[in-house]
Amino acid sequence: MPLRHVLLALLVVAIWGFNFVIIKLSVEALPPILAAGLRFVAAALPAVFFIRPPKAPWWLVVGFGLSFGFALYGFLNLSIAWGMSAGLSSLVLQTQAFFTMALAFVLLGERPSRFQIIGAMIAFAGIGVIAFERMAATALLPLGMTLLAALSWGLANVLTKKAGRINALAFTVWGSLAAPLPLIGLSLLVEGPEVVLGALQDFGWQEAGLIAFLAYPATLLGGGIWSWLLGRHPASTVAPFTLLVPITGLLSGYLVLGETITPTEIGGAVLVISGLVVTVWRGRPVEPTIH
């Protein structure tokens, strides 16, 4: 992977680490599912009027939008609203790297290396430690929701890889168009029309600033670069670069929100990051056997 591509990946994960703080603030200011819906309204509009559709099958574009927009941020926003801290969420969500490898093996034939498998086992041991701590604190449901968000991200990565070398920004923008209607519809159903209308009536500059950051740097810039990288390198090579997201996420949560995690959760975090390090430093993806 060329150095300039590595630097682009590092830029994305730095933005995505701080992204968790903004998500936390957005779900405090707005109903969580509505906040996710508004994020993708802003990401898709007005950009779809100026950017041509990507040269990819429509089902891949829609599937990406539903997995990356509707499922990932639906689950993630709810998990943070229900008690997951921004920093801990940034850590647990990075299991998407291993969901990506597993799905890429099943759907694309990308065989993970021995070290990637070992790294996955170490990381999921860390998740087990965190789950034990969360269970003791009766907060296992938000942890499970974050893992479902990670699985959704893994599927989005594989769909992006399946699309190949396409216009990454177009793929992200047009994929984003598939997310708002299901999210807003779910918000009306679960959070209620009165709550949604009340939040929209009280929508001000603060809320607009939060949604703007989520839509533009975090979704369009970050998602566009990520899709571009996935189109040029194996998914099992790109996905583990998110090992830096927990570092920037935990640091941002501490500095901006004053969040702390327990010693047990720190131990689990060390295992997760160690597993990711093993995957990135020693993993060498095997060429796909299925085309």
C-alpha atoms as a PDB file:
ATOM      1  CA  MET A   1       0.000   0.000   0.000  1.00  0.00           C
ATOM      2  CA  PRO A   2       1.713   3.285  -1.074  1.00  0.00           C
ATOM      3  CA  LEU A   3       2.555   5.831   1.625  1.00  0.00           C
ATOM      4  CA  ARG A   4       0.106   8.402   0.250  1.00  0.00           C
ATOM      5  CA  HIS A   5      -2.683   5.831   0.524  1.00  0.00           C
ATOM      6  CA  VAL A   6      -1.643   5.064   4.099  1.00  0.00           C
ATOM      7  CA  LEU A   7      -1.778   8.792   4.916  1.00  0.00           C
ATOM      8  CA  LEU A   8      -5.261   9.047   3.414  1.00  0.00           C
ATOM      9  CA  ALA A   9      -6.393   6.127   5.554  1.00  0.00           C
ATOM     10  CA  LEU A  10      -4.944   7.812   8.649  1.00  0.00           C
ATOM     11  CA  LEU A  11      -6.767  11.064   7.829  1.00  0.00           C
ATOM     12  CA  VAL A  12     -10.055   9.181   7.605  1.00  0.00           C
ATOM     13  CA  VAL A  13      -9.665   7.326  10.887  1.00  0.00           C
ATOM     14  CA  ALA A  14      -8.686  10.559  12.672  1.00  0.00           C
ATOM     15  CA  ILE A  15     -11.900  12.214  11.441  1.00  0.00           C
ATOM     16  CA  TRP A  16     -13.925   9.142  12.338  1.00  0.00           C
ATOM     17  CA  GLY A  17     -12.488   9.078  15.867  1.00  0.00           C
ATOM     18  CA  PHE A  18     -13.713  12.602  16.609  1.00  0.00           C
ATOM     19  CA  ASN A  19     -16.945  11.696  14.817  1.00  0.00           C
ATOM     20  CA  PHE A  20     -18.070   9.721  17.887  1.00  0.00           C
ATOM     21  CA  VAL A  21     -18.020  12.817  20.072  1.00  0.00           C
ATOM     22  CA  ILE A  22     -20.207  14.618  17.536  1.00  0.00           C
ATOM     23  CA  ILE A  23     -22.588  11.644  17.373  1.00  0.00           C
ATOM     24  CA  LYS A  24     -22.866  11.721  21.173  1.00  0.00           C
ATOM     25  CA  LEU A  25     -23.705  15.431  21.101  1.00  0.00           C
ATOM     26  CA  SER A  26     -26.185  14.937  18.243  1.00  0.00           C
ATOM     27  CA  VAL A  27     -28.172  12.204  20.017  1.00  0.00           C
ATOM     28  CA  GLU A  28     -28.370  14.439  23.077  1.00  0.00           C
ATOM     29  CA  ALA A  29     -29.722  17.305  20.959  1.00  0.00           C
ATOM     30  CA  LEU A  30     -32.014  15.245  18.696  1.00  0.00           C
ATOM     31  CA  PRO A  31     -33.864  11.910  18.713  1.00  0.00           C
ATOM     32  CA  PRO A  32     -31.127   9.394  17.768  1.00  0.00           C
ATOM     33  CA  ILE A  33     -32.723   7.810  14.697  1.00  0.00           C
ATOM     34  CA  LEU A  34     -33.835  11.216  13.399  1.00  0.00           C
ATOM     35  CA  ALA A  35     -30.261  12.489  13.857  1.00  0.00           C
ATOM     36  CA  ALA A  36     -29.011   9.644  11.662  1.00  0.00           C
ATOM     37  CA  GLY A  37     -31.656  10.409   9.042  1.00  0.00           C
ATOM     38  CA  LEU A  38     -30.781  14.114   8.925  1.00  0.00           C
ATOM     39  CA  ARG A  39     -27.103  13.210   8.583  1.00  0.00           C
ATOM     40  CA  PHE A  40     -27.795  11.382   5.336  1.00  0.00           C
ATOM     41  CA  VAL A  41     -30.273  13.944   4.059  1.00  0.00           C
ATOM     42  CA  ALA A  42     -27.458  16.488   4.295  1.00  0.00           C
ATOM     43  CA  ALA A  43     -24.929  14.058   2.788  1.00  0.00           C
ATOM     44  CA  ALA A  44     -27.136  13.295  -0.237  1.00  0.00           C
ATOM     45  CA  LEU A  45     -28.728  16.699  -0.885  1.00  0.00           C
ATOM     46  CA  PRO A  46     -27.955  18.774  -2.835  1.00  0.00           C
ATOM     47  CA  ALA A  47     -24.906  16.738  -3.945  1.00  0.00           C
ATOM     48  CA  VAL A  48     -26.953  14.251  -6.026  1.00  0.00           C
ATOM     49  CA  PHE A  49     -27.992  17.110  -8.326  1.00  0.00           C
ATOM     50  CA  PHE A  50     -24.355  17.854  -9.211  1.00  0.00           C
ATOM     51  CA  ILE A  51     -22.688  14.433  -9.139  1.00  0.00           C
ATOM     52  CA  ARG A  52     -23.460  11.778 -11.712  1.00  0.00           C
ATOM     53  CA  PRO A  53     -24.518   8.314 -10.492  1.00  0.00           C
ATOM     54  CA  PRO A  54     -21.615   5.890 -10.070  1.00  0.00           C
ATOM     55  CA  LYS A  55     -20.971   3.256 -12.730  1.00  0.00           C
ATOM     56  CA  ALA A  56     -22.031   0.401 -10.485  1.00  0.00           C
ATOM     57  CA  PRO A  57     -25.100  -1.877 -10.343  1.00  0.00           C
ATOM     58  CA  TRP A  58     -27.985  -0.118  -8.618  1.00  0.00           C
ATOM     59  CA  TRP A  59     -28.336  -2.916  -6.057  1.00  0.00           C
ATOM     60  CA  LEU A  60     -24.768  -2.346  -4.877  1.00  0.00           C
ATOM     61  CA  VAL A  61     -25.384   1.391  -4.451  1.00  0.00           C
ATOM     62  CA  VAL A  62     -28.652   0.828  -2.573  1.00  0.00           C
ATOM     63  CA  GLY A  63     -27.167  -2.023  -0.537  1.00  0.00           C
ATOM     64  CA  PHE A  64     -24.244   0.171   0.465  1.00  0.00           C
ATOM     65  CA  GLY A  65     -26.584   2.994   1.465  1.00  0.00           C
ATOM     66  CA  LEU A  66     -28.786   0.721   3.560  1.00  0.00           C
ATOM     67  CA  SER A  67     -25.885  -1.037   5.288  1.00  0.00           C
ATOM     68  CA  PHE A  68     -23.650   2.023   5.814  1.00  0.00           C
ATOM     69  CA  GLY A  69     -26.428   4.555   6.405  1.00  0.00           C
ATOM     70  CA  PHE A  70     -29.583   2.895   7.685  1.00  0.00           C
ATOM     71  CA  ALA A  71     -28.155  -0.084   9.599  1.00  0.00           C
ATOM     72  CA  LEU A  72     -24.753   1.174  10.781  1.00  0.00           C
ATOM     73  CA  TYR A  73     -25.869   4.564  12.067  1.00  0.00           C
ATOM     74  CA  GLY A  74     -29.293   3.382  13.155  1.00  0.00           C
ATOM     75  CA  PHE A  75     -27.678   0.842  15.492  1.00  0.00           C
ATOM     76  CA  LEU A  76     -24.780   3.103  16.495  1.00  0.00           C
ATOM     77  CA  ASN A  77     -26.882   6.172  17.328  1.00  0.00           C
ATOM     78  CA  LEU A  78     -29.243   4.069  19.429  1.00  0.00           C
ATOM     79  CA  SER A  79     -26.382   2.371  21.275  1.00  0.00           C
ATOM     80  CA  ILE A  80     -24.822   5.733  22.181  1.00  0.00           C
ATOM     81  CA  ALA A  81     -28.205   7.194  23.148  1.00  0.00           C
ATOM     82  CA  TRP A  82     -28.823   4.143  25.382  1.00  0.00           C
ATOM     83  CA  GLY A  83     -25.589   4.413  27.323  1.00  0.00           C
ATOM     84  CA  MET A  84     -22.484   3.535  25.292  1.00  0.00           C
ATOM     85  CA  SER A  85     -19.841   6.217  25.706  1.00  0.00           C
ATOM     86  CA  ALA A  86     -18.412   7.864  22.605  1.00  0.00           C
ATOM     87  CA  GLY A  87     -14.917   6.532  23.340  1.00  0.00           C
ATOM     88  CA  LEU A  88     -15.981   2.953  24.037  1.00  0.00           C
ATOM     89  CA  SER A  89     -18.204   2.952  20.956  1.00  0.00           C
ATOM     90  CA  SER A  90     -15.244   4.008  18.831  1.00  0.00           C
ATOM     91  CA  LEU A  91     -13.357   0.986  20.144  1.00  0.00           C
ATOM     92  CA  VAL A  92     -16.020  -1.696  19.822  1.00  0.00           C
ATOM     93  CA  LEU A  93     -17.085  -0.546  16.358  1.00  0.00           C
ATOM     94  CA  GLN A  94     -13.623  -1.373  15.021  1.00  0.00           C
ATOM     95  CA  THR A  95     -14.508  -5.055  15.112  1.00  0.00           C
ATOM     96  CA  GLN A  96     -15.882  -4.146  11.674  1.00  0.00           C
ATOM     97  CA  ALA A  97     -12.377  -4.963  10.409  1.00  0.00           C
ATOM     98  CA  PHE A  98     -12.898  -8.612  11.302  1.00  0.00           C
ATOM     99  CA  PHE A  99     -16.510  -8.730  10.149  1.00  0.00           C
ATOM    100  CA  THR A 100     -15.168  -7.319   6.876  1.00  0.00           C
ATOM    101  CA  MET A 101     -12.568 -10.074   6.604  1.00  0.00           C
ATOM    102  CA  ALA A 102     -15.134 -12.783   7.352  1.00  0.00           C
ATOM    103  CA  LEU A 103     -17.674 -11.427   4.861  1.00  0.00           C
ATOM    104  CA  ALA A 104     -14.963 -10.830   2.244  1.00  0.00           C
ATOM    105  CA  PHE A 105     -13.946 -14.472   2.584  1.00  0.00           C
ATOM    106  CA  VAL A 106     -17.517 -15.722   2.174  1.00  0.00           C
ATOM    107  CA  LEU A 107     -18.655 -13.306  -0.535  1.00  0.00           C
ATOM    108  CA  LEU A 108     -15.458 -12.358  -2.383  1.00  0.00           C
ATOM    109  CA  GLY A 109     -13.109 -15.257  -1.766  1.00  0.00           C
ATOM    110  CA  GLU A 110     -10.479 -13.092  -0.034  1.00  0.00           C
ATOM    111  CA  ARG A 111      -8.678 -15.516   2.248  1.00  0.00           C
ATOM    112  CA  PRO A 112      -7.376 -13.934   5.467  1.00  0.00           C
ATOM    113  CA  SER A 113      -3.830 -14.763   6.528  1.00  0.00           C
ATOM    114  CA  ARG A 114      -2.965 -16.744   9.639  1.00  0.00           C
ATOM    115  CA  PHE A 115      -1.973 -13.556  11.469  1.00  0.00           C
ATOM    116  CA  GLN A 116      -5.246 -11.871  10.538  1.00  0.00           C
ATOM    117  CA  ILE A 117      -7.133 -14.797  12.074  1.00  0.00           C
ATOM    118  CA  ILE A 118      -4.972 -14.667  15.215  1.00  0.00           C
ATOM    119  CA  GLY A 119      -5.520 -10.908  15.429  1.00  0.00           C
ATOM    120  CA  ALA A 120      -9.282 -11.412  15.170  1.00  0.00           C
ATOM    121  CA  MET A 121      -9.235 -13.947  18.003  1.00  0.00           C
ATOM    122  CA  ILE A 122      -7.263 -11.574  20.248  1.00  0.00           C
ATOM    123  CA  ALA A 123      -9.587  -8.661  19.463  1.00  0.00           C
ATOM    124  CA  PHE A 124     -12.768 -10.624  20.105  1.00  0.00           C
ATOM    125  CA  ALA A 125     -11.308 -11.811  23.404  1.00  0.00           C
ATOM    126  CA  GLY A 126     -11.087  -8.116  24.277  1.00  0.00           C
ATOM    127  CA  ILE A 127     -14.723  -7.640  23.284  1.00  0.00           C
ATOM    128  CA  GLY A 128     -15.581 -10.544  25.587  1.00  0.00           C
ATOM    129  CA  VAL A 129     -13.850  -8.783  28.481  1.00  0.00           C
ATOM    130  CA  ILE A 130     -15.776  -5.585  27.773  1.00  0.00           C
ATOM    131  CA  ALA A 131     -19.020  -7.571  27.454  1.00  0.00           C
ATOM    132  CA  PHE A 132     -18.434  -9.107  30.895  1.00  0.00           C
ATOM    133  CA  GLU A 133     -17.978  -5.646  32.391  1.00  0.00           C
ATOM    134  CA  ARG A 134     -21.031  -4.283  30.550  1.00  0.00           C
ATOM    135  CA  MET A 135     -23.142  -7.245  31.693  1.00  0.00           C
ATOM    136  CA  ALA A 136     -22.229  -6.490  35.282  1.00  0.00           C
ATOM    137  CA  ALA A 137     -23.391  -2.916  34.704  1.00  0.00           C
ATOM    138  CA  THR A 138     -26.639  -4.102  33.012  1.00  0.00           C
ATOM    139  CA  ALA A 139     -25.569  -2.303  29.828  1.00  0.00           C
ATOM    140  CA  LEU A 140     -25.118  -5.274  27.526  1.00  0.00           C
ATOM    141  CA  LEU A 141     -27.814  -4.184  25.046  1.00  0.00           C
ATOM    142  CA  PRO A 142     -25.959  -1.030  23.904  1.00  0.00           C
ATOM    143  CA  LEU A 143     -22.814  -3.152  23.450  1.00  0.00           C
ATOM    144  CA  GLY A 144     -24.774  -5.619  21.300  1.00  0.00           C
ATOM    145  CA  MET A 145     -26.170  -2.762  19.224  1.00  0.00           C
ATOM    146  CA  THR A 146     -22.637  -1.481  18.614  1.00  0.00           C
ATOM    147  CA  LEU A 147     -21.558  -4.932  17.429  1.00  0.00           C
ATOM    148  CA  LEU A 148     -24.525  -5.008  15.024  1.00  0.00           C
ATOM    149  CA  ALA A 149     -23.365  -1.607  13.754  1.00  0.00           C
ATOM    150  CA  ALA A 150     -19.889  -3.092  13.207  1.00  0.00           C
ATOM    151  CA  LEU A 151     -21.383  -6.003  11.269  1.00  0.00           C
ATOM    152  CA  SER A 152     -23.304  -3.524   9.099  1.00  0.00           C
ATOM    153  CA  TRP A 153     -20.109  -1.581   8.406  1.00  0.00           C
ATOM    154  CA  GLY A 154     -18.374  -4.800   7.422  1.00  0.00           C
ATOM    155  CA  LEU A 155     -21.109  -5.526   4.894  1.00  0.00           C
ATOM    156  CA  ALA A 156     -20.830  -1.971   3.520  1.00  0.00           C
ATOM    157  CA  ASN A 157     -17.071  -2.477   3.078  1.00  0.00           C
ATOM    158  CA  VAL A 158     -17.600  -5.697   1.121  1.00  0.00           C
ATOM    159  CA  LEU A 159     -20.253  -4.105  -1.118  1.00  0.00           C
ATOM    160  CA  THR A 160     -17.840  -1.238  -1.794  1.00  0.00           C
ATOM    161  CA  LYS A 161     -15.099  -3.697  -2.664  1.00  0.00           C
ATOM    162  CA  LYS A 162     -17.526  -5.567  -4.936  1.00  0.00           C
ATOM    163  CA  ALA A 163     -18.227  -2.330  -6.832  1.00  0.00           C
ATOM    164  CA  GLY A 164     -14.537  -2.091  -7.792  1.00  0.00           C
ATOM    165  CA  ARG A 165     -12.781   1.025  -9.098  1.00  0.00           C
ATOM    166  CA  ILE A 166     -15.581   3.547  -9.356  1.00  0.00           C
ATOM    167  CA  ASN A 167     -16.035   7.221  -8.539  1.00  0.00           C
ATOM    168  CA  ALA A 168     -15.841   6.923  -4.757  1.00  0.00           C
ATOM    169  CA  LEU A 169     -17.552  10.255  -4.013  1.00  0.00           C
ATOM    170  CA  ALA A 170     -20.425   9.434  -6.380  1.00  0.00           C
ATOM    171  CA  PHE A 171     -20.810   6.014  -4.768  1.00  0.00           C
ATOM    172  CA  THR A 172     -20.944   7.577  -1.294  1.00  0.00           C
ATOM    173  CA  VAL A 173     -23.339  10.385  -2.267  1.00  0.00           C
ATOM    174  CA  TRP A 174     -25.786   8.207  -4.201  1.00  0.00           C
ATOM    175  CA  GLY A 175     -25.551   5.488  -1.584  1.00  0.00           C
ATOM    176  CA  SER A 176     -26.410   8.079   1.057  1.00  0.00           C
ATOM    177  CA  LEU A 177     -29.626   8.795  -0.839  1.00  0.00           C
ATOM    178  CA  ALA A 178     -30.904   5.321   0.080  1.00  0.00           C
ATOM    179  CA  ALA A 179     -30.656   5.937   3.830  1.00  0.00           C
ATOM    180  CA  PRO A 180     -32.803   8.975   4.801  1.00  0.00           C
ATOM    181  CA  LEU A 181     -36.302   7.680   3.988  1.00  0.00           C
ATOM    182  CA  PRO A 182     -35.932   4.389   5.937  1.00  0.00           C
ATOM    183  CA  LEU A 183     -34.298   6.202   8.850  1.00  0.00           C
ATOM    184  CA  ILE A 184     -36.878   8.988   9.044  1.00  0.00           C
ATOM    185  CA  GLY A 185     -39.680   6.458   8.594  1.00  0.00           C
ATOM    186  CA  LEU A 186     -38.272   4.387  11.467  1.00  0.00           C
ATOM    187  CA  SER A 187     -37.898   7.553  13.542  1.00  0.00           C
ATOM    188  CA  LEU A 188     -41.559   8.422  13.037  1.00  0.00           C
ATOM    189  CA  LEU A 189     -42.553   4.871  13.948  1.00  0.00           C
ATOM    190  CA  VAL A 190     -40.310   4.410  17.002  1.00  0.00           C
ATOM    191  CA  GLU A 191     -39.681   7.926  18.303  1.00  0.00           C
ATOM    192  CA  GLY A 192     -43.113   9.241  17.366  1.00  0.00           C
ATOM    193  CA  PRO A 193     -44.398  12.042  15.093  1.00  0.00           C
ATOM    194  CA  GLU A 194     -44.742  14.518  17.966  1.00  0.00           C
ATOM    195  CA  VAL A 195     -41.150  14.023  19.089  1.00  0.00           C
ATOM    196  CA  VAL A 196     -39.851  14.296  15.526  1.00  0.00           C
ATOM    197  CA  LEU A 197     -41.860  17.438  14.733  1.00  0.00           C
ATOM    198  CA  GLY A 198     -40.853  19.016  18.034  1.00  0.00           C
ATOM    199  CA  ALA A 199     -37.160  18.350  17.319  1.00  0.00           C
ATOM    200  CA  LEU A 200     -37.472  19.856  13.833  1.00  0.00           C
ATOM    201  CA  GLN A 201     -39.238  22.950  15.182  1.00  0.00           C
ATOM    202  CA  ASP A 202     -36.442  23.490  17.728  1.00  0.00           C
ATOM    203  CA  PHE A 203     -33.708  22.815  15.153  1.00  0.00           C
ATOM    204  CA  GLY A 204     -31.128  25.597  15.410  1.00  0.00           C
ATOM    205  CA  TRP A 205     -27.567  26.526  14.517  1.00  0.00           C
ATOM    206  CA  GLN A 206     -26.055  24.149  17.055  1.00  0.00           C
ATOM    207  CA  GLU A 207     -27.954  21.179  15.655  1.00  0.00           C
ATOM    208  CA  ALA A 208     -27.151  22.300  12.107  1.00  0.00           C
ATOM    209  CA  GLY A 209     -23.438  22.427  12.926  1.00  0.00           C
ATOM    210  CA  LEU A 210     -23.485  18.920  14.369  1.00  0.00           C
ATOM    211  CA  ILE A 211     -25.321  17.493  11.346  1.00  0.00           C
ATOM    212  CA  ALA A 212     -22.995  19.363   8.966  1.00  0.00           C
ATOM    213  CA  PHE A 213     -19.904  17.779  10.516  1.00  0.00           C
ATOM    214  CA  LEU A 214     -21.493  14.319  10.427  1.00  0.00           C
ATOM    215  CA  ALA A 215     -22.579  14.751   6.812  1.00  0.00           C
ATOM    216  CA  TYR A 216     -19.547  16.362   5.198  1.00  0.00           C
ATOM    217  CA  PRO A 217     -16.165  15.580   6.820  1.00  0.00           C
ATOM    218  CA  ALA A 218     -17.315  12.316   8.451  1.00  0.00           C
ATOM    219  CA  THR A 219     -19.576  10.894   5.717  1.00  0.00           C
ATOM    220  CA  LEU A 220     -18.702  12.420   2.340  1.00  0.00           C
ATOM    221  CA  LEU A 221     -14.985  13.100   2.793  1.00  0.00           C
ATOM    222  CA  GLY A 222     -14.252  10.109   4.991  1.00  0.00           C
ATOM    223  CA  GLY A 223     -16.591   7.741   3.174  1.00  0.00           C
ATOM    224  CA  GLY A 224     -15.396   8.880  -0.233  1.00  0.00           C
ATOM    225  CA  ILE A 225     -11.724   8.324   0.592  1.00  0.00           C
ATOM    226  CA  TRP A 226     -12.536   4.985   2.236  1.00  0.00           C
ATOM    227  CA  SER A 227     -14.466   3.759  -0.803  1.00  0.00           C
ATOM    228  CA  TRP A 228     -11.588   4.898  -3.050  1.00  0.00           C
ATOM    229  CA  LEU A 229      -9.088   2.899  -0.993  1.00  0.00           C
ATOM    230  CA  LEU A 230     -11.299  -0.185  -0.929  1.00  0.00           C
ATOM    231  CA  GLY A 231     -11.545  -0.031  -4.705  1.00  0.00           C
ATOM    232  CA  ARG A 232      -7.747  -0.263  -4.991  1.00  0.00           C
ATOM    233  CA  HIS A 233      -6.687  -2.623  -2.213  1.00  0.00           C
ATOM    234  CA  PRO A 234      -8.025  -5.841  -0.643  1.00  0.00           C
ATOM    235  CA  ALA A 235     -10.729  -5.212   1.956  1.00  0.00           C
ATOM    236  CA  SER A 236      -8.677  -7.194   4.486  1.00  0.00           C
ATOM    237  CA  THR A 237      -5.804  -4.700   4.018  1.00  0.00           C
ATOM    238  CA  VAL A 238      -7.808  -1.473   4.250  1.00  0.00           C
ATOM    239  CA  ALA A 239     -10.294  -2.286   7.029  1.00  0.00           C
ATOM    240  CA  PRO A 240      -7.745  -2.854   9.850  1.00  0.00           C
ATOM    241  CA  PHE A 241      -6.370   0.685   9.484  1.00  0.00           C
ATOM    242  CA  THR A 242      -9.230   1.744  11.716  1.00  0.00           C
ATOM    243  CA  LEU A 243      -7.102   0.649  14.680  1.00  0.00           C
ATOM    244  CA  LEU A 244      -6.398   4.362  15.258  1.00  0.00           C
ATOM    245  CA  VAL A 245     -10.092   5.232  15.538  1.00  0.00           C
ATOM    246  CA  PRO A 246     -10.307   3.989  19.154  1.00  0.00           C
ATOM    247  CA  ILE A 247      -7.260   6.056  20.091  1.00  0.00           C
ATOM    248  CA  THR A 248      -8.655   9.313  18.686  1.00  0.00           C
ATOM    249  CA  GLY A 249     -12.156   8.350  19.818  1.00  0.00           C
ATOM    250  CA  LEU A 250     -11.185   7.634  23.423  1.00  0.00           C
ATOM    251  CA  LEU A 251      -8.974  10.741  23.555  1.00  0.00           C
ATOM    252  CA  SER A 252     -11.728  12.951  22.096  1.00  0.00           C
ATOM    253  CA  GLY A 253     -14.281  11.517  24.520  1.00  0.00           C
ATOM    254  CA  TYR A 254     -11.973  12.254  27.434  1.00  0.00           C
ATOM    255  CA  LEU A 255     -10.999  15.781  26.342  1.00  0.00           C
ATOM    256  CA  VAL A 256     -14.387  16.992  25.072  1.00  0.00           C
ATOM    257  CA  LEU A 257     -16.938  15.003  27.085  1.00  0.00           C
ATOM    258  CA  GLY A 258     -14.941  14.071  30.196  1.00  0.00           C
ATOM    259  CA  GLU A 259     -15.612  10.355  29.636  1.00  0.00           C
ATOM    260  CA  THR A 260     -13.749   7.638  31.511  1.00  0.00           C
ATOM    261  CA  ILE A 261     -13.711   3.860  31.178  1.00  0.00           C
ATOM    262  CA  THR A 262     -13.182   1.250  33.878  1.00  0.00           C
ATOM    263  CA  PRO A 263      -9.894  -0.653  34.354  1.00  0.00           C
ATOM    264  CA  THR A 264     -11.578  -3.813  33.046  1.00  0.00           C
ATOM    265  CA  GLU A 265     -12.715  -1.987  29.916  1.00  0.00           C
ATOM    266  CA  ILE A 266      -9.189  -0.609  29.474  1.00  0.00           C
ATOM    267  CA  GLY A 267      -7.890  -4.186  29.582  1.00  0.00           C
ATOM    268  CA  GLY A 268     -10.416  -5.200  26.942  1.00  0.00           C
ATOM    269  CA  ALA A 269      -9.459  -2.175  24.859  1.00  0.00           C
ATOM    270  CA  VAL A 270      -5.784  -3.180  24.979  1.00  0.00           C
ATOM    271  CA  LEU A 271      -6.707  -6.643  23.687  1.00  0.00           C
ATOM    272  CA  VAL A 272      -8.816  -5.230  20.853  1.00  0.00           C
ATOM    273  CA  ILE A 273      -6.104  -2.815  19.746  1.00  0.00           C
ATOM    274  CA  SER A 274      -3.462  -5.551  20.086  1.00  0.00           C
ATOM    275  CA  GLY A 275      -5.494  -7.790  17.805  1.00  0.00           C
ATOM    276  CA  LEU A 276      -5.792  -5.009  15.264  1.00  0.00           C
ATOM    277  CA  VAL A 277      -2.040  -4.339  15.441  1.00  0.00           C
ATOM    278  CA  VAL A 278      -1.284  -8.005  14.773  1.00  0.00           C
ATOM    279  CA  THR A 279      -3.616  -7.868  11.777  1.00  0.00           C
ATOM    280  CA  VAL A 280      -2.064  -4.736  10.263  1.00  0.00           C
ATOM    281  CA  TRP A 281       1.604  -5.380  10.982  1.00  0.00           C
ATOM    282  CA  ARG A 282       1.812  -9.092  10.269  1.00  0.00           C
ATOM    283  CA  GLY A 283      -1.225  -9.769   8.085  1.00  0.00           C
ATOM    284  CA  ARG A 284      -0.578 -10.491   4.423  1.00  0.00           C
ATOM    285  CA  PRO A 285      -3.821 -11.054   2.526  1.00  0.00           C
ATOM    286  CA  VAL A 286      -3.940 -14.056   0.217  1.00  0.00           C
ATOM    287  CA  GLU A 287      -5.157 -13.371  -3.302  1.00  0.00           C
ATOM    288  CA  PRO A 288      -8.860 -14.122  -3.907  1.00  0.00           C
ATOM    289  CA  THR A 289      -9.670 -17.604  -5.132  1.00  0.00           C
ATOM    290  CA  ILE A 290     -13.158 -16.708  -6.371  1.00  0.00           C
ATOM    291  CA  HIS A 291     -13.713 -14.157  -9.137  1.00  0.00           C
END
